[in-house]
Amino acid sequence: MKKETVEQRAVKIAAKIMVAAGLCRYETPMKCGKAYVCDSICDKCIRSWLLSKARAELKKEAEQ
């Protein structure tokens, strides 16, 4: 079994909070493009979005 890093766990918690609050990575749910949206799909979507945003920010910091 893989051990979760602190960062992975933090992103997972943040995604669950966003889903519970009804937040989405898109301005409106209609922009999502997913025909059937449920918490598990949104959780994975938000988690990957948060990780990509974090990577982009870290890359910017490294370039400066």
Protein backbone atom coordinates (compact mmCIF):
# COMPACT_ATOMS: atom_id res chain seq x y z
CA MET A 1 0.00 0.00 0.00
CA LYS A 2 1.30 3.43 -0.96
CA LYS A 3 1.85 5.89 1.84
CA GLU A 4 0.14 9.25 1.35
CA THR A 5 2.31 12.33 1.60
CA VAL A 6 1.25 15.28 3.68
CA GLU A 7 0.66 17.30 0.51
CA GLN A 8 -1.55 14.62 -1.04
CA ARG A 9 -3.59 14.37 2.14
CA ALA A 10 -3.98 18.15 2.32
CA VAL A 11 -5.21 18.30 -1.28
CA LYS A 12 -7.64 15.45 -0.63
CA ILE A 13 -9.07 17.28 2.40
CA ALA A 14 -9.31 20.58 0.50
CA ALA A 15 -11.14 18.85 -2.37
CA LYS A 16 -13.63 17.25 0.04
CA ILE A 17 -14.28 20.63 1.66
CA MET A 18 -14.82 22.27 -1.73
CA VAL A 19 -17.27 19.54 -2.80
CA ALA A 20 -19.13 19.75 0.52
CA ALA A 21 -19.41 23.53 0.09
CA GLY A 22 -20.81 23.05 -3.40
CA LEU A 23 -17.79 24.68 -5.05
CA CYS A 24 -16.50 23.74 -8.46
CA ARG A 25 -13.37 24.52 -10.46
CA TYR A 26 -15.62 26.11 -13.09
CA GLU A 27 -17.63 29.33 -12.82
CA THR A 28 -20.88 27.41 -13.26
CA PRO A 29 -21.67 23.69 -13.15
CA MET A 30 -22.92 23.96 -16.75
CA LYS A 31 -19.32 24.58 -17.88
CA CYS A 32 -18.17 21.31 -16.32
CA GLY A 33 -19.07 19.16 -19.30
CA LYS A 34 -19.69 16.05 -17.24
CA ALA A 35 -23.06 14.53 -18.06
CA TYR A 36 -23.50 13.01 -14.61
CA VAL A 37 -21.86 14.80 -11.71
CA CYS A 38 -21.51 13.21 -8.31
CA ASP A 39 -19.29 13.87 -5.32
CA SER A 40 -16.68 11.26 -6.28
CA ILE A 41 -16.27 12.67 -9.79
CA CYS A 42 -16.10 16.25 -8.48
CA ASP A 43 -13.64 15.21 -5.76
CA LYS A 44 -11.21 13.73 -8.29
CA CYS A 45 -11.66 16.66 -10.66
CA ILE A 46 -11.02 19.27 -7.97
CA ARG A 47 -8.09 17.28 -6.58
CA SER A 48 -6.35 17.17 -9.96
CA TRP A 49 -7.12 20.86 -10.54
CA LEU A 50 -5.66 21.85 -7.15
CA LEU A 51 -2.51 19.82 -7.81
CA SER A 52 -2.03 21.38 -11.25
CA LYS A 53 -2.47 24.86 -9.77
CA ALA A 54 0.05 24.08 -7.02
CA ARG A 55 2.58 22.76 -9.55
CA ALA A 56 2.18 25.91 -11.65
CA GLU A 57 2.73 28.13 -8.61
CA LEU A 58 5.81 26.16 -7.55
CA LYS A 59 7.20 26.39 -11.08
CA LYS A 60 6.69 30.19 -11.08
CA GLU A 61 8.48 30.48 -7.73
CA ALA A 62 11.37 28.37 -8.97
CA GLU A 63 11.79 30.55 -12.06
CA GLN A 64 12.03 33.75 -10.03
